[in-house]
Amino acid sequence: MPSEADARLIFQRRLREAREVQGLSQKSLGIEAGIDPFVASTRINRYEQGVHEPDLATIQRLAKALQVPLPYLFATDDKLAAMILAFAKLSSSDKDRFLRELGGRKGK
């Protein structure tokens, strides 16, 4: 299990990476997440640098603005993070099929 410091570093990196993939500036991400426009850039910068930690409600708004599932921001393994993103993009029926497939492979 990662330490608390490791979890912070993971969150900081995934937040920055997701923002860059979306092509958002720190300010625009902050505004989309409901942060006051006058401090949005500074707040996101401080979250990405680890100077401050957002509360859970803010993290949820950031994930929504970034169009990523909340667990993605905390995935400790890059392959797991990629799986979370890929799974989120599947249709409901494809998610069910995928989970059935995984369940059918237990013990093999």
C-alpha atoms as a PDB file:
ATOM      1  CA  MET A   1       0.000   0.000   0.000  1.00  0.00           C
ATOM      2  CA  PRO A   2       1.465   3.394  -0.937  1.00  0.00           C
ATOM      3  CA  SER A   3       2.354   5.819   1.805  1.00  0.00           C
ATOM      4  CA  GLU A   4       0.355   9.013   2.268  1.00  0.00           C
ATOM      5  CA  ALA A   5       3.200  10.979   0.637  1.00  0.00           C
ATOM      6  CA  ASP A   6       3.182   8.616  -2.361  1.00  0.00           C
ATOM      7  CA  ALA A   7      -0.598   8.996  -2.712  1.00  0.00           C
ATOM      8  CA  ARG A   8      -0.194  12.771  -2.789  1.00  0.00           C
ATOM      9  CA  LEU A   9       2.467  12.549  -5.485  1.00  0.00           C
ATOM     10  CA  ILE A  10       0.256  10.238  -7.542  1.00  0.00           C
ATOM     11  CA  PHE A  11      -2.685  12.636  -7.269  1.00  0.00           C
ATOM     12  CA  GLN A  12      -0.522  15.614  -8.231  1.00  0.00           C
ATOM     13  CA  ARG A  13       0.890  13.845 -11.293  1.00  0.00           C
ATOM     14  CA  ARG A  14      -2.430  12.448 -12.496  1.00  0.00           C
ATOM     15  CA  LEU A  15      -4.144  15.822 -12.027  1.00  0.00           C
ATOM     16  CA  ARG A  16      -1.511  17.558 -14.142  1.00  0.00           C
ATOM     17  CA  GLU A  17      -1.462  14.826 -16.796  1.00  0.00           C
ATOM     18  CA  ALA A  18      -5.263  14.747 -17.113  1.00  0.00           C
ATOM     19  CA  ARG A  19      -5.371  18.553 -17.373  1.00  0.00           C
ATOM     20  CA  GLU A  20      -2.742  18.538 -20.108  1.00  0.00           C
ATOM     21  CA  VAL A  21      -4.515  15.757 -22.039  1.00  0.00           C
ATOM     22  CA  GLN A  22      -7.688  17.860 -21.988  1.00  0.00           C
ATOM     23  CA  GLY A  23      -5.697  20.878 -23.168  1.00  0.00           C
ATOM     24  CA  LEU A  24      -6.836  22.986 -20.229  1.00  0.00           C
ATOM     25  CA  SER A  25      -4.876  25.716 -18.532  1.00  0.00           C
ATOM     26  CA  GLN A  26      -4.727  25.662 -14.761  1.00  0.00           C
ATOM     27  CA  LYS A  27      -7.081  28.629 -14.687  1.00  0.00           C
ATOM     28  CA  SER A  28      -9.653  27.105 -17.030  1.00  0.00           C
ATOM     29  CA  LEU A  29      -9.655  23.820 -15.099  1.00  0.00           C
ATOM     30  CA  GLY A  30     -10.175  25.683 -11.853  1.00  0.00           C
ATOM     31  CA  ILE A  31     -13.050  27.696 -13.280  1.00  0.00           C
ATOM     32  CA  GLU A  32     -14.692  24.545 -14.737  1.00  0.00           C
ATOM     33  CA  ALA A  33     -14.382  22.926 -11.309  1.00  0.00           C
ATOM     34  CA  GLY A  34     -16.177  25.838  -9.669  1.00  0.00           C
ATOM     35  CA  ILE A  35     -13.185  27.639  -8.184  1.00  0.00           C
ATOM     36  CA  ASP A  36     -13.311  31.437  -8.044  1.00  0.00           C
ATOM     37  CA  PRO A  37     -11.775  32.737 -11.311  1.00  0.00           C
ATOM     38  CA  PHE A  38      -9.536  35.164  -9.406  1.00  0.00           C
ATOM     39  CA  VAL A  39      -7.703  32.317  -7.641  1.00  0.00           C
ATOM     40  CA  ALA A  40      -8.369  29.369  -9.989  1.00  0.00           C
ATOM     41  CA  SER A  41      -4.912  29.275 -11.596  1.00  0.00           C
ATOM     42  CA  THR A  42      -3.083  29.603  -8.288  1.00  0.00           C
ATOM     43  CA  ARG A  43      -5.217  26.931  -6.592  1.00  0.00           C
ATOM     44  CA  ILE A  44      -4.720  24.367  -9.355  1.00  0.00           C
ATOM     45  CA  ASN A  45      -1.001  25.136  -9.438  1.00  0.00           C
ATOM     46  CA  ARG A  46      -0.779  24.569  -5.683  1.00  0.00           C
ATOM     47  CA  TYR A  47      -2.694  21.288  -5.983  1.00  0.00           C
ATOM     48  CA  GLU A  48      -0.344  20.115  -8.739  1.00  0.00           C
ATOM     49  CA  GLN A  49       2.718  21.170  -6.744  1.00  0.00           C
ATOM     50  CA  GLY A  50       1.468  19.593  -3.517  1.00  0.00           C
ATOM     51  CA  VAL A  51       1.460  22.862  -1.607  1.00  0.00           C
ATOM     52  CA  HIS A  52      -2.233  22.404  -0.795  1.00  0.00           C
ATOM     53  CA  GLU A  53      -4.593  19.436  -0.939  1.00  0.00           C
ATOM     54  CA  PRO A  54      -8.139  19.825  -2.203  1.00  0.00           C
ATOM     55  CA  ASP A  55     -11.035  18.413  -0.218  1.00  0.00           C
ATOM     56  CA  LEU A  56     -12.993  15.463  -1.585  1.00  0.00           C
ATOM     57  CA  ALA A  57     -15.790  17.616  -3.025  1.00  0.00           C
ATOM     58  CA  THR A  58     -13.232  19.660  -4.963  1.00  0.00           C
ATOM     59  CA  ILE A  59     -11.476  16.508  -6.177  1.00  0.00           C
ATOM     60  CA  GLN A  60     -14.822  15.200  -7.442  1.00  0.00           C
ATOM     61  CA  ARG A  61     -15.451  18.449  -9.330  1.00  0.00           C
ATOM     62  CA  LEU A  62     -11.930  18.326 -10.778  1.00  0.00           C
ATOM     63  CA  ALA A  63     -12.463  14.746 -11.994  1.00  0.00           C
ATOM     64  CA  LYS A  64     -15.754  15.737 -13.598  1.00  0.00           C
ATOM     65  CA  ALA A  65     -14.171  18.771 -15.308  1.00  0.00           C
ATOM     66  CA  LEU A  66     -11.322  16.562 -16.530  1.00  0.00           C
ATOM     67  CA  GLN A  67     -13.758  13.885 -17.696  1.00  0.00           C
ATOM     68  CA  VAL A  68     -11.953  11.156 -15.765  1.00  0.00           C
ATOM     69  CA  PRO A  69     -13.292   8.745 -13.161  1.00  0.00           C
ATOM     70  CA  LEU A  70     -12.373   9.726  -9.614  1.00  0.00           C
ATOM     71  CA  PRO A  71     -10.319   6.529  -9.021  1.00  0.00           C
ATOM     72  CA  TYR A  72      -8.070   7.440 -11.947  1.00  0.00           C
ATOM     73  CA  LEU A  73      -6.659  10.353  -9.964  1.00  0.00           C
ATOM     74  CA  PHE A  74      -5.493   7.955  -7.239  1.00  0.00           C
ATOM     75  CA  ALA A  75      -4.451   4.870  -9.236  1.00  0.00           C
ATOM     76  CA  THR A  76      -1.011   3.855  -8.003  1.00  0.00           C
ATOM     77  CA  ASP A  77      -0.110   1.877 -11.110  1.00  0.00           C
ATOM     78  CA  ASP A  78       0.021   3.367 -14.607  1.00  0.00           C
ATOM     79  CA  LYS A  79      -1.507   0.241 -16.153  1.00  0.00           C
ATOM     80  CA  LEU A  80      -4.352   0.362 -13.658  1.00  0.00           C
ATOM     81  CA  ALA A  81      -4.888   4.051 -14.457  1.00  0.00           C
ATOM     82  CA  ALA A  82      -5.067   3.203 -18.173  1.00  0.00           C
ATOM     83  CA  MET A  83      -7.555   0.409 -17.426  1.00  0.00           C
ATOM     84  CA  ILE A  84      -9.742   2.773 -15.413  1.00  0.00           C
ATOM     85  CA  LEU A  85      -9.853   5.240 -18.302  1.00  0.00           C
ATOM     86  CA  ALA A  86     -10.536   2.515 -20.863  1.00  0.00           C
ATOM     87  CA  PHE A  87     -13.273   0.917 -18.729  1.00  0.00           C
ATOM     88  CA  ALA A  88     -14.998   4.280 -18.248  1.00  0.00           C
ATOM     89  CA  LYS A  89     -15.265   4.694 -22.018  1.00  0.00           C
ATOM     90  CA  LEU A  90     -17.060   1.359 -22.529  1.00  0.00           C
ATOM     91  CA  SER A  91     -20.803   1.132 -22.974  1.00  0.00           C
ATOM     92  CA  SER A  92     -22.762  -0.373 -20.110  1.00  0.00           C
ATOM     93  CA  SER A  93     -23.222  -3.665 -21.961  1.00  0.00           C
ATOM     94  CA  ASP A  94     -19.513  -3.832 -22.806  1.00  0.00           C
ATOM     95  CA  LYS A  95     -18.667  -3.204 -19.149  1.00  0.00           C
ATOM     96  CA  ASP A  96     -20.964  -6.078 -18.142  1.00  0.00           C
ATOM     97  CA  ARG A  97     -19.391  -8.356 -20.752  1.00  0.00           C
ATOM     98  CA  PHE A  98     -15.893  -7.430 -19.644  1.00  0.00           C
ATOM     99  CA  LEU A  99     -16.712  -8.133 -15.996  1.00  0.00           C
ATOM    100  CA  ARG A 100     -18.304 -11.485 -16.880  1.00  0.00           C
ATOM    101  CA  GLU A 101     -15.169 -12.364 -18.829  1.00  0.00           C
ATOM    102  CA  LEU A 102     -13.003 -11.519 -15.831  1.00  0.00           C
ATOM    103  CA  GLY A 103     -15.235 -13.544 -13.536  1.00  0.00           C
ATOM    104  CA  GLY A 104     -15.046 -16.543 -15.848  1.00  0.00           C
ATOM    105  CA  ARG A 105     -11.277 -16.584 -15.631  1.00  0.00           C
ATOM    106  CA  LYS A 106     -11.037 -17.030 -11.864  1.00  0.00           C
ATOM    107  CA  GLY A 107      -8.956 -20.015 -10.905  1.00  0.00           C
ATOM    108  CA  LYS A 108      -7.540 -20.515 -14.382  1.00  0.00           C
END
